[in-house]
Amino acid sequence: MSIILLPFKIVFLILTFLLKGVLYILSYTIIFFSDFCGAIHYIIRLGSGIFAIGGTIVVVGWIQEGSFTGFEGGLLIAIVWLVAMSFSIMFDLGNAIADFLENIGDWLGNLALRFLHL
């Protein structure tokens, strides 16, 4: 029975390693763009920090003028800070996705090798 399944096992092995290669290439492409964006991250982080602090000061002024209630102003300040923090999170997310794809590729490779040994 094992000899009959050998061609299927070899085809499965080849397909899974091809898929593993595609996932690795995709992962390294994401890492490349993430590293490129990481260089830009320092400039954007400074700008988003200034945006958040400036936005907070402006909204506090609007609250004192009576243009916004305390709740509306607090909600707007929270949104401004979430937007500023999202720029920092966005660049770290690329590395996390790349690691996830590499783990899937490794799992597929191990699965194919275990299947071949059965």
PDB file of N, CA and C in Angstrom:
ATOM      1  N   MET A   1       0.827  -1.197   0.000  1.00  0.00           N
ATOM      2  CA  MET A   1       0.000   0.000   0.000  1.00  0.00           C
ATOM      3  C   MET A   1       0.866   1.254   0.000  1.00  0.00           C
ATOM      4  N   SER A   2       1.992   1.171   0.702  1.00  0.00           N
ATOM      5  CA  SER A   2       2.879   2.315   0.779  1.00  0.00           C
ATOM      6  C   SER A   2       3.492   2.636  -0.576  1.00  0.00           C
ATOM      7  N   ILE A   3       3.766   1.624  -1.371  1.00  0.00           N
ATOM      8  CA  ILE A   3       4.353   1.826  -2.694  1.00  0.00           C
ATOM      9  C   ILE A   3       3.345   2.463  -3.639  1.00  0.00           C
ATOM     10  N   ILE A   4       2.086   2.115  -3.477  1.00  0.00           N
ATOM     11  CA  ILE A   4       1.035   2.691  -4.318  1.00  0.00           C
ATOM     12  C   ILE A   4       0.869   4.179  -4.009  1.00  0.00           C
ATOM     13  N   LEU A   5       0.980   4.558  -2.748  1.00  0.00           N
ATOM     14  CA  LEU A   5       0.809   5.956  -2.351  1.00  0.00           C
ATOM     15  C   LEU A   5       2.062   6.803  -2.543  1.00  0.00           C
ATOM     16  N   LEU A   6       3.187   6.184  -2.874  1.00  0.00           N
ATOM     17  CA  LEU A   6       4.442   6.915  -2.994  1.00  0.00           C
ATOM     18  C   LEU A   6       4.385   8.054  -4.022  1.00  0.00           C
ATOM     19  N   PRO A   7       3.820   7.860  -5.220  1.00  0.00           N
ATOM     20  CA  PRO A   7       3.740   8.997  -6.161  1.00  0.00           C
ATOM     21  C   PRO A   7       2.904  10.155  -5.618  1.00  0.00           C
ATOM     22  N   PHE A   8       1.813   9.836  -4.919  1.00  0.00           N
ATOM     23  CA  PHE A   8       0.979  10.886  -4.334  1.00  0.00           C
ATOM     24  C   PHE A   8       1.720  11.621  -3.226  1.00  0.00           C
ATOM     25  N   LYS A   9       2.495  10.880  -2.455  1.00  0.00           N
ATOM     26  CA  LYS A   9       3.276  11.489  -1.387  1.00  0.00           C
ATOM     27  C   LYS A   9       4.341  12.428  -1.957  1.00  0.00           C
ATOM     28  N   ILE A  10       4.967  12.003  -3.033  1.00  0.00           N
ATOM     29  CA  ILE A  10       5.992  12.841  -3.648  1.00  0.00           C
ATOM     30  C   ILE A  10       5.375  14.103  -4.252  1.00  0.00           C
ATOM     31  N   VAL A  11       4.231  13.969  -4.906  1.00  0.00           N
ATOM     32  CA  VAL A  11       3.535  15.138  -5.458  1.00  0.00           C
ATOM     33  C   VAL A  11       3.126  16.078  -4.324  1.00  0.00           C
ATOM     34  N   PHE A  12       2.614  15.513  -3.233  1.00  0.00           N
ATOM     35  CA  PHE A  12       2.234  16.327  -2.079  1.00  0.00           C
ATOM     36  C   PHE A  12       3.450  17.045  -1.491  1.00  0.00           C
ATOM     37  N   LEU A  13       4.563  16.347  -1.419  1.00  0.00           N
ATOM     38  CA  LEU A  13       5.796  16.926  -0.901  1.00  0.00           C
ATOM     39  C   LEU A  13       6.253  18.086  -1.777  1.00  0.00           C
ATOM     40  N   ILE A  14       6.232  17.884  -3.079  1.00  0.00           N
ATOM     41  CA  ILE A  14       6.654  18.945  -4.002  1.00  0.00           C
ATOM     42  C   ILE A  14       5.722  20.148  -3.902  1.00  0.00           C
ATOM     43  N   LEU A  15       4.417  19.915  -3.876  1.00  0.00           N
ATOM     44  CA  LEU A  15       3.456  21.018  -3.795  1.00  0.00           C
ATOM     45  C   LEU A  15       3.587  21.802  -2.493  1.00  0.00           C
ATOM     46  N   THR A  16       3.775  21.089  -1.387  1.00  0.00           N
ATOM     47  CA  THR A  16       3.881  21.803  -0.118  1.00  0.00           C
ATOM     48  C   THR A  16       5.170  22.609  -0.039  1.00  0.00           C
ATOM     49  N   PHE A  17       6.257  22.095  -0.584  1.00  0.00           N
ATOM     50  CA  PHE A  17       7.497  22.869  -0.562  1.00  0.00           C
ATOM     51  C   PHE A  17       7.436  24.042  -1.538  1.00  0.00           C
ATOM     52  N   LEU A  18       6.718  23.906  -2.644  1.00  0.00           N
ATOM     53  CA  LEU A  18       6.495  25.056  -3.518  1.00  0.00           C
ATOM     54  C   LEU A  18       5.670  26.121  -2.807  1.00  0.00           C
ATOM     55  N   LEU A  19       4.622  25.694  -2.101  1.00  0.00           N
ATOM     56  CA  LEU A  19       3.807  26.632  -1.334  1.00  0.00           C
ATOM     57  C   LEU A  19       4.624  27.273  -0.220  1.00  0.00           C
ATOM     58  N   LYS A  20       5.491  26.485   0.400  1.00  0.00           N
ATOM     59  CA  LYS A  20       6.379  27.025   1.438  1.00  0.00           C
ATOM     60  C   LYS A  20       7.298  28.080   0.840  1.00  0.00           C
ATOM     61  N   GLY A  21       7.817  27.838  -0.344  1.00  0.00           N
ATOM     62  CA  GLY A  21       8.671  28.819  -1.011  1.00  0.00           C
ATOM     63  C   GLY A  21       7.925  30.095  -1.345  1.00  0.00           C
ATOM     64  N   VAL A  22       6.694  29.962  -1.816  1.00  0.00           N
ATOM     65  CA  VAL A  22       5.878  31.136  -2.126  1.00  0.00           C
ATOM     66  C   VAL A  22       5.610  31.937  -0.853  1.00  0.00           C
ATOM     67  N   LEU A  23       5.294  31.255   0.247  1.00  0.00           N
ATOM     68  CA  LEU A  23       5.039  31.946   1.506  1.00  0.00           C
ATOM     69  C   LEU A  23       6.296  32.644   2.012  1.00  0.00           C
ATOM     70  N   TYR A  24       7.469  32.028   1.827  1.00  0.00           N
ATOM     71  CA  TYR A  24       8.718  32.665   2.251  1.00  0.00           C
ATOM     72  C   TYR A  24       8.994  33.911   1.410  1.00  0.00           C
ATOM     73  N   ILE A  25       8.774  33.817   0.105  1.00  0.00           N
ATOM     74  CA  ILE A  25       8.992  34.985  -0.753  1.00  0.00           C
ATOM     75  C   ILE A  25       8.032  36.103  -0.369  1.00  0.00           C
ATOM     76  N   LEU A  26       6.777  35.764  -0.120  1.00  0.00           N
ATOM     77  CA  LEU A  26       5.803  36.759   0.319  1.00  0.00           C
ATOM     78  C   LEU A  26       6.211  37.362   1.659  1.00  0.00           C
ATOM     79  N   SER A  27       6.689  36.529   2.549  1.00  0.00           N
ATOM     80  CA  SER A  27       7.118  36.988   3.862  1.00  0.00           C
ATOM     81  C   SER A  27       8.297  37.948   3.748  1.00  0.00           C
ATOM     82  N   TYR A  28       9.281  37.602   2.941  1.00  0.00           N
ATOM     83  CA  TYR A  28      10.452  38.480   2.802  1.00  0.00           C
ATOM     84  C   TYR A  28      10.105  39.774   2.075  1.00  0.00           C
ATOM     85  N   THR A  29       9.139  39.723   1.163  1.00  0.00           N
ATOM     86  CA  THR A  29       8.673  40.948   0.516  1.00  0.00           C
ATOM     87  C   THR A  29       8.004  41.869   1.526  1.00  0.00           C
ATOM     88  N   ILE A  30       7.188  41.295   2.391  1.00  0.00           N
ATOM     89  CA  ILE A  30       6.536  42.099   3.431  1.00  0.00           C
ATOM     90  C   ILE A  30       7.578  42.676   4.379  1.00  0.00           C
ATOM     91  N   ILE A  31       8.580  41.891   4.738  1.00  0.00           N
ATOM     92  CA  ILE A  31       9.640  42.389   5.620  1.00  0.00           C
ATOM     93  C   ILE A  31      10.401  43.526   4.938  1.00  0.00           C
ATOM     94  N   PHE A  32      10.667  43.403   3.646  1.00  0.00           N
ATOM     95  CA  PHE A  32      11.368  44.463   2.923  1.00  0.00           C
ATOM     96  C   PHE A  32      10.584  45.763   2.989  1.00  0.00           C
ATOM     97  N   PHE A  33       9.289  45.690   2.678  1.00  0.00           N
ATOM     98  CA  PHE A  33       8.483  46.906   2.716  1.00  0.00           C
ATOM     99  C   PHE A  33       8.312  47.421   4.140  1.00  0.00           C
ATOM    100  N   SER A  34       8.237  46.513   5.095  1.00  0.00           N
ATOM    101  CA  SER A  34       8.115  46.927   6.486  1.00  0.00           C
ATOM    102  C   SER A  34       9.384  47.637   6.952  1.00  0.00           C
ATOM    103  N   ASP A  35      10.549  47.128   6.547  1.00  0.00           N
ATOM    104  CA  ASP A  35      11.799  47.803   6.911  1.00  0.00           C
ATOM    105  C   ASP A  35      11.926  49.152   6.223  1.00  0.00           C
ATOM    106  N   PHE A  36      11.500  49.228   4.970  1.00  0.00           N
ATOM    107  CA  PHE A  36      11.511  50.501   4.262  1.00  0.00           C
ATOM    108  C   PHE A  36      10.595  51.500   4.951  1.00  0.00           C
ATOM    109  N   CYS A  37       9.422  51.039   5.333  1.00  0.00           N
ATOM    110  CA  CYS A  37       8.490  51.920   6.038  1.00  0.00           C
ATOM    111  C   CYS A  37       8.998  52.244   7.445  1.00  0.00           C
ATOM    112  N   GLY A  38       9.802  51.346   8.007  1.00  0.00           N
ATOM    113  CA  GLY A  38      10.381  51.616   9.320  1.00  0.00           C
ATOM    114  C   GLY A  38      11.325  52.794   9.288  1.00  0.00           C
ATOM    115  N   ALA A  39      12.021  52.983   8.155  1.00  0.00           N
ATOM    116  CA  ALA A  39      12.891  54.150   8.025  1.00  0.00           C
ATOM    117  C   ALA A  39      12.063  55.424   7.968  1.00  0.00           C
ATOM    118  N   ILE A  40      10.944  55.354   7.297  1.00  0.00           N
ATOM    119  CA  ILE A  40      10.047  56.511   7.224  1.00  0.00           C
ATOM    120  C   ILE A  40       9.306  56.691   8.555  1.00  0.00           C
ATOM    121  N   HIS A  41       9.248  55.625   9.333  1.00  0.00           N
ATOM    122  CA  HIS A  41       8.507  55.624  10.596  1.00  0.00           C
ATOM    123  C   HIS A  41       8.993  56.706  11.551  1.00  0.00           C
ATOM    124  N   TYR A  42      10.287  56.946  11.590  1.00  0.00           N
ATOM    125  CA  TYR A  42      10.820  57.945  12.506  1.00  0.00           C
ATOM    126  C   TYR A  42      10.293  59.337  12.190  1.00  0.00           C
ATOM    127  N   ILE A  43      10.189  59.641  10.909  1.00  0.00           N
ATOM    128  CA  ILE A  43       9.662  60.949  10.502  1.00  0.00           C
ATOM    129  C   ILE A  43       8.168  61.026  10.802  1.00  0.00           C
ATOM    130  N   ILE A  44       7.452  59.984  10.468  1.00  0.00           N
ATOM    131  CA  ILE A  44       6.003  59.982  10.684  1.00  0.00           C
ATOM    132  C   ILE A  44       5.683  59.977  12.179  1.00  0.00           C
ATOM    133  N   ARG A  45       6.490  59.263  12.970  1.00  0.00           N
ATOM    134  CA  ARG A  45       6.241  59.213  14.417  1.00  0.00           C
ATOM    135  C   ARG A  45       6.358  60.593  15.032  1.00  0.00           C
ATOM    136  N   LEU A  46       7.346  61.357  14.605  1.00  0.00           N
ATOM    137  CA  LEU A  46       7.490  62.723  15.101  1.00  0.00           C
ATOM    138  C   LEU A  46       6.294  63.566  14.689  1.00  0.00           C
ATOM    139  N   GLY A  47       5.899  63.430  13.416  1.00  0.00           N
ATOM    140  CA  GLY A  47       4.747  64.193  12.930  1.00  0.00           C
ATOM    141  C   GLY A  47       3.452  63.793  13.609  1.00  0.00           C
ATOM    142  N   SER A  48       3.255  62.504  13.847  1.00  0.00           N
ATOM    143  CA  SER A  48       2.010  62.068  14.491  1.00  0.00           C
ATOM    144  C   SER A  48       1.983  62.472  15.961  1.00  0.00           C
ATOM    145  N   GLY A  49       3.151  62.496  16.610  1.00  0.00           N
ATOM    146  CA  GLY A  49       3.203  62.978  18.000  1.00  0.00           C
ATOM    147  C   GLY A  49       2.851  64.452  18.091  1.00  0.00           C
ATOM    148  N   ILE A  50       3.382  65.242  17.173  1.00  0.00           N
ATOM    149  CA  ILE A  50       3.048  66.670  17.139  1.00  0.00           C
ATOM    150  C   ILE A  50       1.569  66.856  16.822  1.00  0.00           C
ATOM    151  N   PHE A  51       1.048  66.045  15.901  1.00  0.00           N
ATOM    152  CA  PHE A  51      -0.372  66.097  15.550  1.00  0.00           C
ATOM    153  C   PHE A  51      -1.252  65.795  16.762  1.00  0.00           C
ATOM    154  N   ALA A  52      -0.893  64.772  17.522  1.00  0.00           N
ATOM    155  CA  ALA A  52      -1.705  64.383  18.674  1.00  0.00           C
ATOM    156  C   ALA A  52      -1.658  65.446  19.767  1.00  0.00           C
ATOM    157  N   ILE A  53      -0.471  65.957  20.046  1.00  0.00           N
ATOM    158  CA  ILE A  53      -0.350  66.977  21.101  1.00  0.00           C
ATOM    159  C   ILE A  53      -1.041  68.263  20.669  1.00  0.00           C
ATOM    160  N   GLY A  54      -0.814  68.670  19.412  1.00  0.00           N
ATOM    161  CA  GLY A  54      -1.473  69.874  18.908  1.00  0.00           C
ATOM    162  C   GLY A  54      -2.979  69.722  18.857  1.00  0.00           C
ATOM    163  N   GLY A  55      -3.442  68.553  18.421  1.00  0.00           N
ATOM    164  CA  GLY A  55      -4.882  68.303  18.377  1.00  0.00           C
ATOM    165  C   GLY A  55      -5.513  68.332  19.758  1.00  0.00           C
ATOM    166  N   THR A  56      -4.793  67.815  20.743  1.00  0.00           N
ATOM    167  CA  THR A  56      -5.304  67.841  22.120  1.00  0.00           C
ATOM    168  C   THR A  56      -5.421  69.274  22.618  1.00  0.00           C
ATOM    169  N   ILE A  57      -4.416  70.087  22.346  1.00  0.00           N
ATOM    170  CA  ILE A  57      -4.449  71.485  22.787  1.00  0.00           C
ATOM    171  C   ILE A  57      -5.596  72.245  22.125  1.00  0.00           C
ATOM    172  N   VAL A  58      -5.791  72.017  20.832  1.00  0.00           N
ATOM    173  CA  VAL A  58      -6.880  72.695  20.116  1.00  0.00           C
ATOM    174  C   VAL A  58      -8.235  72.262  20.651  1.00  0.00           C
ATOM    175  N   VAL A  59      -8.424  70.979  20.880  1.00  0.00           N
ATOM    176  CA  VAL A  59      -9.716  70.483  21.363  1.00  0.00           C
ATOM    177  C   VAL A  59      -9.989  70.984  22.779  1.00  0.00           C
ATOM    178  N   VAL A  60      -8.964  71.041  23.629  1.00  0.00           N
ATOM    179  CA  VAL A  60      -9.158  71.583  24.980  1.00  0.00           C
ATOM    180  C   VAL A  60      -9.585  73.043  24.894  1.00  0.00           C
ATOM    181  N   GLY A  61      -9.004  73.781  23.944  1.00  0.00           N
ATOM    182  CA  GLY A  61      -9.430  75.173  23.730  1.00  0.00           C
ATOM    183  C   GLY A  61     -10.882  75.256  23.293  1.00  0.00           C
ATOM    184  N   TRP A  62     -11.302  74.351  22.419  1.00  0.00           N
ATOM    185  CA  TRP A  62     -12.695  74.340  21.971  1.00  0.00           C
ATOM    186  C   TRP A  62     -13.637  73.981  23.111  1.00  0.00           C
ATOM    187  N   ILE A  63     -13.203  73.103  23.989  1.00  0.00           N
ATOM    188  CA  ILE A  63     -14.033  72.738  25.137  1.00  0.00           C
ATOM    189  C   ILE A  63     -14.187  73.953  26.046  1.00  0.00           C
ATOM    190  N   GLN A  64     -13.109  74.690  26.261  1.00  0.00           N
ATOM    191  CA  GLN A  64     -13.173  75.874  27.121  1.00  0.00           C
ATOM    192  C   GLN A  64     -14.023  76.971  26.505  1.00  0.00           C
ATOM    193  N   GLU A  65     -14.050  77.084  25.173  1.00  0.00           N
ATOM    194  CA  GLU A  65     -14.890  78.062  24.498  1.00  0.00           C
ATOM    195  C   GLU A  65     -16.359  77.661  24.533  1.00  0.00           C
ATOM    196  N   GLY A  66     -16.633  76.397  24.721  1.00  0.00           N
ATOM    197  CA  GLY A  66     -17.996  75.903  24.730  1.00  0.00           C
ATOM    198  C   GLY A  66     -18.440  75.330  23.401  1.00  0.00           C
ATOM    199  N   SER A  67     -17.520  75.205  22.447  1.00  0.00           N
ATOM    200  CA  SER A  67     -17.880  74.630  21.147  1.00  0.00           C
ATOM    201  C   SER A  67     -18.184  73.139  21.262  1.00  0.00           C
ATOM    202  N   PHE A  68     -17.526  72.474  22.187  1.00  0.00           N
ATOM    203  CA  PHE A  68     -17.740  71.054  22.426  1.00  0.00           C
ATOM    204  C   PHE A  68     -18.061  70.846  23.897  1.00  0.00           C
ATOM    205  N   THR A  69     -18.833  69.788  24.166  1.00  0.00           N
ATOM    206  CA  THR A  69     -19.028  69.390  25.554  1.00  0.00           C
ATOM    207  C   THR A  69     -17.799  68.602  25.992  1.00  0.00           C
ATOM    208  N   GLY A  70     -17.693  68.319  27.246  1.00  0.00           N
ATOM    209  CA  GLY A  70     -16.559  67.556  27.754  1.00  0.00           C
ATOM    210  C   GLY A  70     -16.495  66.159  27.150  1.00  0.00           C
ATOM    211  N   PHE A  71     -17.665  65.531  26.984  1.00  0.00           N
ATOM    212  CA  PHE A  71     -17.707  64.191  26.414  1.00  0.00           C
ATOM    213  C   PHE A  71     -17.273  64.191  24.947  1.00  0.00           C
ATOM    214  N   GLU A  72     -17.825  65.124  24.169  1.00  0.00           N
ATOM    215  CA  GLU A  72     -17.463  65.198  22.747  1.00  0.00           C
ATOM    216  C   GLU A  72     -15.983  65.517  22.579  1.00  0.00           C
ATOM    217  N   GLY A  73     -15.491  66.439  23.380  1.00  0.00           N
ATOM    218  CA  GLY A  73     -14.074  66.791  23.303  1.00  0.00           C
ATOM    219  C   GLY A  73     -13.182  65.628  23.697  1.00  0.00           C
ATOM    220  N   GLY A  74     -13.560  64.927  24.758  1.00  0.00           N
ATOM    221  CA  GLY A  74     -12.789  63.770  25.187  1.00  0.00           C
ATOM    222  C   GLY A  74     -12.781  62.682  24.128  1.00  0.00           C
ATOM    223  N   LEU A  75     -13.927  62.494  23.485  1.00  0.00           N
ATOM    224  CA  LEU A  75     -14.007  61.502  22.408  1.00  0.00           C
ATOM    225  C   LEU A  75     -13.129  61.910  21.227  1.00  0.00           C
ATOM    226  N   LEU A  76     -13.132  63.186  20.882  1.00  0.00           N
ATOM    227  CA  LEU A  76     -12.295  63.662  19.785  1.00  0.00           C
ATOM    228  C   LEU A  76     -10.808  63.542  20.119  1.00  0.00           C
ATOM    229  N   ILE A  77     -10.451  63.826  21.360  1.00  0.00           N
ATOM    230  CA  ILE A  77      -9.050  63.669  21.787  1.00  0.00           C
ATOM    231  C   ILE A  77      -8.641  62.194  21.702  1.00  0.00           C
ATOM    232  N   ALA A  78      -9.521  61.303  22.128  1.00  0.00           N
ATOM    233  CA  ALA A  78      -9.218  59.864  22.052  1.00  0.00           C
ATOM    234  C   ALA A  78      -9.022  59.424  20.603  1.00  0.00           C
ATOM    235  N   ILE A  79      -9.845  59.935  19.696  1.00  0.00           N
ATOM    236  CA  ILE A  79      -9.711  59.580  18.282  1.00  0.00           C
ATOM    237  C   ILE A  79      -8.398  60.113  17.714  1.00  0.00           C
ATOM    238  N   VAL A  80      -8.030  61.334  18.086  1.00  0.00           N
ATOM    239  CA  VAL A  80      -6.767  61.913  17.608  1.00  0.00           C
ATOM    240  C   VAL A  80      -5.586  61.080  18.084  1.00  0.00           C
ATOM    241  N   TRP A  81      -5.604  60.650  19.342  1.00  0.00           N
ATOM    242  CA  TRP A  81      -4.502  59.845  19.869  1.00  0.00           C
ATOM    243  C   TRP A  81      -4.491  58.443  19.265  1.00  0.00           C
ATOM    244  N   LEU A  82      -5.662  57.874  18.992  1.00  0.00           N
ATOM    245  CA  LEU A  82      -5.706  56.557  18.334  1.00  0.00           C
ATOM    246  C   LEU A  82      -5.142  56.619  16.916  1.00  0.00           C
ATOM    247  N   VAL A  83      -5.432  57.698  16.196  1.00  0.00           N
ATOM    248  CA  VAL A  83      -4.872  57.867  14.855  1.00  0.00           C
ATOM    249  C   VAL A  83      -3.360  57.991  14.935  1.00  0.00           C
ATOM    250  N   ALA A  84      -2.867  58.756  15.904  1.00  0.00           N
ATOM    251  CA  ALA A  84      -1.420  58.919  16.063  1.00  0.00           C
ATOM    252  C   ALA A  84      -0.751  57.599  16.440  1.00  0.00           C
ATOM    253  N   MET A  85      -1.372  56.820  17.303  1.00  0.00           N
ATOM    254  CA  MET A  85      -0.791  55.540  17.705  1.00  0.00           C
ATOM    255  C   MET A  85      -0.880  54.497  16.595  1.00  0.00           C
ATOM    256  N   SER A  86      -1.880  54.613  15.733  1.00  0.00           N
ATOM    257  CA  SER A  86      -2.041  53.626  14.664  1.00  0.00           C
ATOM    258  C   SER A  86      -0.874  53.667  13.687  1.00  0.00           C
ATOM    259  N   PHE A  87      -0.238  54.817  13.518  1.00  0.00           N
ATOM    260  CA  PHE A  87       0.926  54.884  12.640  1.00  0.00           C
ATOM    261  C   PHE A  87       2.068  54.046  13.206  1.00  0.00           C
ATOM    262  N   SER A  88       2.242  54.043  14.511  1.00  0.00           N
ATOM    263  CA  SER A  88       3.293  53.228  15.112  1.00  0.00           C
ATOM    264  C   SER A  88       2.974  51.745  15.005  1.00  0.00           C
ATOM    265  N   ILE A  89       1.737  51.398  15.172  1.00  0.00           N
ATOM    266  CA  ILE A  89       1.326  49.999  15.133  1.00  0.00           C
ATOM    267  C   ILE A  89       1.411  49.442  13.715  1.00  0.00           C
ATOM    268  N   MET A  90       1.139  50.275  12.727  1.00  0.00           N
ATOM    269  CA  MET A  90       1.083  49.829  11.342  1.00  0.00           C
ATOM    270  C   MET A  90       2.418  49.234  10.890  1.00  0.00           C
ATOM    271  N   PHE A  91       3.527  49.820  11.308  1.00  0.00           N
ATOM    272  CA  PHE A  91       4.819  49.337  10.833  1.00  0.00           C
ATOM    273  C   PHE A  91       5.232  48.056  11.550  1.00  0.00           C
ATOM    274  N   ASP A  92       4.851  47.888  12.784  1.00  0.00           N
ATOM    275  CA  ASP A  92       5.156  46.653  13.495  1.00  0.00           C
ATOM    276  C   ASP A  92       4.282  45.498  13.033  1.00  0.00           C
ATOM    277  N   LEU A  93       3.128  45.825  12.512  1.00  0.00           N
ATOM    278  CA  LEU A  93       2.209  44.796  12.033  1.00  0.00           C
ATOM    279  C   LEU A  93       2.784  44.044  10.833  1.00  0.00           C
ATOM    280  N   GLY A  94       3.570  44.717  10.002  1.00  0.00           N
ATOM    281  CA  GLY A  94       4.178  44.058   8.849  1.00  0.00           C
ATOM    282  C   GLY A  94       5.087  42.919   9.263  1.00  0.00           C
ATOM    283  N   ASN A  95       5.911  43.124  10.288  1.00  0.00           N
ATOM    284  CA  ASN A  95       6.795  42.055  10.755  1.00  0.00           C
ATOM    285  C   ASN A  95       6.004  40.901  11.358  1.00  0.00           C
ATOM    286  N   ALA A  96       4.926  41.208  12.050  1.00  0.00           N
ATOM    287  CA  ALA A  96       4.108  40.150  12.648  1.00  0.00           C
ATOM    288  C   ALA A  96       3.457  39.287  11.565  1.00  0.00           C
ATOM    289  N   ILE A  97       2.978  39.912  10.505  1.00  0.00           N
ATOM    290  CA  ILE A  97       2.367  39.163   9.407  1.00  0.00           C
ATOM    291  C   ILE A  97       3.410  38.302   8.710  1.00  0.00           C
ATOM    292  N   ALA A  98       4.611  38.852   8.519  1.00  0.00           N
ATOM    293  CA  ALA A  98       5.678  38.091   7.873  1.00  0.00           C
ATOM    294  C   ALA A  98       6.065  36.873   8.710  1.00  0.00           C
ATOM    295  N   ASP A  99       6.173  37.039  10.010  1.00  0.00           N
ATOM    296  CA  ASP A  99       6.487  35.896  10.882  1.00  0.00           C
ATOM    297  C   ASP A  99       5.391  34.837  10.825  1.00  0.00           C
ATOM    298  N   PHE A 100       4.146  35.287  10.769  1.00  0.00           N
ATOM    299  CA  PHE A 100       3.025  34.361  10.677  1.00  0.00           C
ATOM    300  C   PHE A 100       3.105  33.535   9.390  1.00  0.00           C
ATOM    301  N   LEU A 101       3.424  34.189   8.267  1.00  0.00           N
ATOM    302  CA  LEU A 101       3.525  33.467   7.001  1.00  0.00           C
ATOM    303  C   LEU A 101       4.695  32.488   7.013  1.00  0.00           C
ATOM    304  N   GLU A 102       5.808  32.884   7.630  1.00  0.00           N
ATOM    305  CA  GLU A 102       6.940  31.959   7.744  1.00  0.00           C
ATOM    306  C   GLU A 102       6.575  30.741   8.580  1.00  0.00           C
ATOM    307  N   ASN A 103       5.822  30.946   9.652  1.00  0.00           N
ATOM    308  CA  ASN A 103       5.405  29.824  10.495  1.00  0.00           C
ATOM    309  C   ASN A 103       4.486  28.870   9.742  1.00  0.00           C
ATOM    310  N   ILE A 104       3.605  29.418   8.914  1.00  0.00           N
ATOM    311  CA  ILE A 104       2.737  28.556   8.103  1.00  0.00           C
ATOM    312  C   ILE A 104       3.580  27.738   7.135  1.00  0.00           C
ATOM    313  N   GLY A 105       4.582  28.381   6.510  1.00  0.00           N
ATOM    314  CA  GLY A 105       5.462  27.657   5.590  1.00  0.00           C
ATOM    315  C   GLY A 105       6.235  26.557   6.288  1.00  0.00           C
ATOM    316  N   ASP A 106       6.759  26.829   7.474  1.00  0.00           N
ATOM    317  CA  ASP A 106       7.472  25.797   8.229  1.00  0.00           C
ATOM    318  C   ASP A 106       6.550  24.647   8.609  1.00  0.00           C
ATOM    319  N   TRP A 107       5.341  24.980   9.011  1.00  0.00           N
ATOM    320  CA  TRP A 107       4.375  23.948   9.384  1.00  0.00           C
ATOM    321  C   TRP A 107       4.043  23.062   8.182  1.00  0.00           C
ATOM    322  N   LEU A 108       3.871  23.692   7.008  1.00  0.00           N
ATOM    323  CA  LEU A 108       3.576  22.906   5.810  1.00  0.00           C
ATOM    324  C   LEU A 108       4.740  21.985   5.450  1.00  0.00           C
ATOM    325  N   GLY A 109       5.967  22.499   5.583  1.00  0.00           N
ATOM    326  CA  GLY A 109       7.128  21.668   5.296  1.00  0.00           C
ATOM    327  C   GLY A 109       7.222  20.478   6.233  1.00  0.00           C
ATOM    328  N   ASN A 110       7.001  20.714   7.509  1.00  0.00           N
ATOM    329  CA  ASN A 110       7.028  19.613   8.484  1.00  0.00           C
ATOM    330  C   ASN A 110       5.904  18.617   8.235  1.00  0.00           C
ATOM    331  N   LEU A 111       4.734  19.126   7.863  1.00  0.00           N
ATOM    332  CA  LEU A 111       3.607  18.248   7.555  1.00  0.00           C
ATOM    333  C   LEU A 111       3.923  17.354   6.363  1.00  0.00           C
ATOM    334  N   ALA A 112       4.537  17.937   5.349  1.00  0.00           N
ATOM    335  CA  ALA A 112       4.870  17.149   4.161  1.00  0.00           C
ATOM    336  C   ALA A 112       5.900  16.061   4.494  1.00  0.00           C
ATOM    337  N   LEU A 113       6.887  16.407   5.299  1.00  0.00           N
ATOM    338  CA  LEU A 113       7.888  15.413   5.652  1.00  0.00           C
ATOM    339  C   LEU A 113       7.304  14.291   6.512  1.00  0.00           C
ATOM    340  N   ARG A 114       6.402  14.654   7.439  1.00  0.00           N
ATOM    341  CA  ARG A 114       5.753  13.601   8.250  1.00  0.00           C
ATOM    342  C   ARG A 114       4.865  12.730   7.384  1.00  0.00           C
ATOM    343  N   PHE A 115       4.192  13.325   6.422  1.00  0.00           N
ATOM    344  CA  PHE A 115       3.325  12.559   5.526  1.00  0.00           C
ATOM    345  C   PHE A 115       4.132  11.614   4.664  1.00  0.00           C
ATOM    346  N   LEU A 116       5.328  12.046   4.237  1.00  0.00           N
ATOM    347  CA  LEU A 116       6.173  11.212   3.402  1.00  0.00           C
ATOM    348  C   LEU A 116       6.696  10.007   4.181  1.00  0.00           C
ATOM    349  N   HIS A 117       6.935  10.176   5.466  1.00  0.00           N
ATOM    350  CA  HIS A 117       7.454   9.075   6.271  1.00  0.00           C
ATOM    351  C   HIS A 117       6.406   8.057   6.676  1.00  0.00           C
ATOM    352  N   LEU A 118       5.131   8.367   6.488  1.00  0.00           N
ATOM    353  CA  LEU A 118       4.076   7.428   6.889  1.00  0.00           C
ATOM    354  C   LEU A 118       4.082   6.175   6.074  1.00  0.00           C
TER     355      LEU A 118
END
